[in-house]
Protein backbone atom coordinates (compact mmCIF):
# COMPACT_ATOMS: atom_id res chain seq x y z
CA MET A 1 -0.01 0.06 0.00
CA LYS A 2 2.83 2.48 0.83
CA LYS A 3 4.52 1.77 -2.57
CA ILE A 4 1.38 2.81 -4.41
CA ILE A 5 1.01 6.05 -2.54
CA ILE A 6 4.68 7.01 -2.95
CA LEU A 7 4.56 6.25 -6.75
CA ALA A 8 1.43 8.27 -7.12
CA PHE A 9 3.01 11.10 -5.27
CA LEU A 10 6.11 11.01 -7.44
CA PHE A 11 3.98 10.71 -10.58
CA SER A 12 2.05 13.94 -9.57
CA ILE A 13 5.28 15.97 -9.04
CA GLU A 14 6.42 15.10 -12.43
CA ILE A 15 3.22 16.22 -14.04
CA VAL A 16 3.17 19.61 -12.21
CA SER A 17 6.92 20.26 -12.88
CA ALA A 18 6.45 19.50 -16.61
CA GLN A 19 4.06 22.27 -16.92
CA ASP A 20 6.21 25.00 -15.32
CA PRO A 21 9.02 25.54 -17.76
CA ILE A 22 8.46 28.18 -20.41
CA GLU A 23 10.51 27.89 -23.71
CA PRO A 24 12.97 30.62 -23.66
CA SER A 25 12.65 33.12 -26.45
CA GLU A 26 15.62 34.62 -28.32
CA ASP A 27 13.74 37.88 -28.99
CA PRO A 28 15.05 40.72 -26.94
CA ILE A 29 13.36 41.86 -23.75
CA LEU A 30 12.54 45.55 -23.75
CA GLU A 31 12.29 47.90 -20.77
CA LEU A 32 8.79 49.23 -20.23
CA LYS A 33 9.81 52.72 -21.29
CA ASP A 34 11.01 51.43 -24.54
CA SER A 35 7.62 49.95 -25.56
CA THR A 36 5.16 52.01 -27.57
CA ILE A 37 2.19 50.23 -25.91
CA GLU A 38 2.76 48.83 -22.37
CA PRO A 39 1.64 45.28 -21.46
CA SER A 40 -1.52 45.36 -19.47
CA PHE A 41 -3.55 42.97 -17.25
CA PRO A 42 -7.05 42.24 -18.59
CA GLY A 43 -9.32 44.94 -17.20
CA GLY A 44 -6.47 47.12 -16.05
CA MET A 45 -4.36 47.39 -12.82
CA TYR A 46 -7.43 47.67 -10.61
CA ASN A 47 -8.44 44.14 -11.72
CA PHE A 48 -4.80 42.98 -11.24
CA TYR A 49 -4.70 44.16 -7.65
CA ALA A 50 -8.12 42.52 -7.00
CA PHE A 51 -6.93 39.24 -8.64
CA PHE A 52 -3.73 39.45 -6.53
CA GLN A 53 -5.50 40.09 -3.25
CA LYS A 54 -7.97 37.33 -3.87
CA ASN A 55 -5.26 34.65 -4.46
CA PHE A 56 -2.51 35.95 -2.10
CA LYS A 57 -2.42 34.11 1.17
CA GLU A 58 -1.14 36.64 3.93
CA PRO A 59 1.30 35.40 6.51
CA GLU A 60 -0.04 34.85 9.85
CA VAL A 61 2.04 37.79 11.20
CA PRO A 62 0.00 40.51 12.86
CA GLN A 63 0.34 44.18 11.57
CA LEU A 64 2.78 43.44 8.94
CA ILE A 65 3.06 46.41 6.74
CA GLY A 66 5.20 46.97 3.72
CA LYS A 67 5.66 46.73 -0.12
CA LEU A 68 6.62 43.77 -2.15
CA PHE A 69 8.13 44.35 -5.58
CA LEU A 70 7.67 41.83 -8.39
CA SER A 71 9.53 41.66 -11.66
CA PHE A 72 8.40 39.59 -14.69
CA VAL A 73 8.52 39.30 -18.49
CA VAL A 74 5.36 39.59 -20.29
CA GLU A 75 5.92 37.45 -23.36
CA LYS A 76 4.51 37.97 -26.83
CA ASP A 77 1.56 35.60 -26.19
CA GLY A 78 0.84 37.38 -22.93
CA SER A 79 2.14 34.64 -20.63
CA LEU A 80 4.47 35.64 -17.85
CA SER A 81 8.03 34.37 -17.40
CA ASP A 82 11.07 35.08 -15.22
CA ILE A 83 8.77 35.92 -12.23
CA ARG A 84 10.87 37.21 -9.30
CA ALA A 85 10.19 38.93 -6.08
CA ILE A 86 12.96 41.58 -6.24
CA LYS A 87 12.06 42.90 -2.76
CA ASP A 88 9.69 41.42 -0.20
CA ILE A 89 8.99 42.03 3.47
CA GLY A 90 9.94 38.53 4.59
CA PHE A 91 7.79 35.82 6.23
CA GLY A 92 7.40 34.12 2.82
CA THR A 93 5.70 36.99 1.10
CA GLY A 94 8.01 36.85 -1.93
CA ILE A 95 7.62 33.18 -2.49
CA GLU A 96 3.73 33.50 -2.09
CA ALA A 97 3.64 36.45 -4.54
CA GLU A 98 5.55 34.38 -7.20
CA ARG A 99 3.07 31.58 -6.65
CA VAL A 100 0.16 33.93 -7.20
CA MET A 101 1.71 35.32 -10.41
CA LEU A 102 1.93 31.75 -11.79
CA LEU A 103 -1.90 31.77 -11.63
CA SER A 104 -2.25 35.05 -13.58
CA PRO A 105 -4.29 35.02 -16.72
CA LYS A 106 -2.47 36.06 -19.84
CA TRP A 107 -1.70 39.74 -20.18
CA PHE A 108 -2.07 41.86 -23.20
CA PRO A 109 1.49 42.03 -24.46
CA GLY A 110 3.50 45.10 -25.10
CA GLN A 111 4.16 46.61 -28.52
CA LYS A 112 6.91 48.64 -30.14
CA ASP A 113 6.18 50.40 -33.53
CA GLY A 114 3.13 48.10 -34.09
CA LYS A 115 4.94 44.75 -33.40
CA ILE A 116 4.40 42.56 -30.39
CA VAL A 117 7.43 42.42 -28.18
CA ARG A 118 8.62 40.82 -24.85
CA VAL A 119 8.64 43.53 -22.07
CA ILE A 120 10.00 43.36 -18.53
CA TYR A 121 7.52 44.70 -16.03
CA THR A 122 7.84 45.61 -12.43
CA VAL A 123 4.87 46.05 -9.98
CA ALA A 124 4.72 47.23 -6.30
CA ILE A 125 2.28 45.46 -4.20
CA PRO A 126 1.20 46.87 -0.78
CA ILE A 127 0.97 44.26 1.98
CA GLN A 128 -0.93 45.04 5.27
CA THR A 129 -1.99 42.21 7.58
CA LYS A 130 -4.52 42.58 10.39
């Protein structure tokens, strides 16, 4: 019985990890200021923050206040890659924020001179626990 459970557990890990890698693109990554049209979350940043708040599991640390900074690349198809917490406030907030960003729906990609391009994007997210 234990062997079946272990095998099933190992099999499930392989399935999840096979979905995570994104094929790296050889196209250059532009800075946000270099794009003609910036990438955007469906419905705008208000909807982004609502999405983030709904999915973010706050640490059980009372009265934790600060800002978390995330960096990621919005790919040509709107998917996100290279998601990184470049500054967090501790207590696992950076790791949790990266997890939430993996759940994100596709963004509208950036453009430069009418062509869809890869753009690096940074966002600040305020955190305040009760």
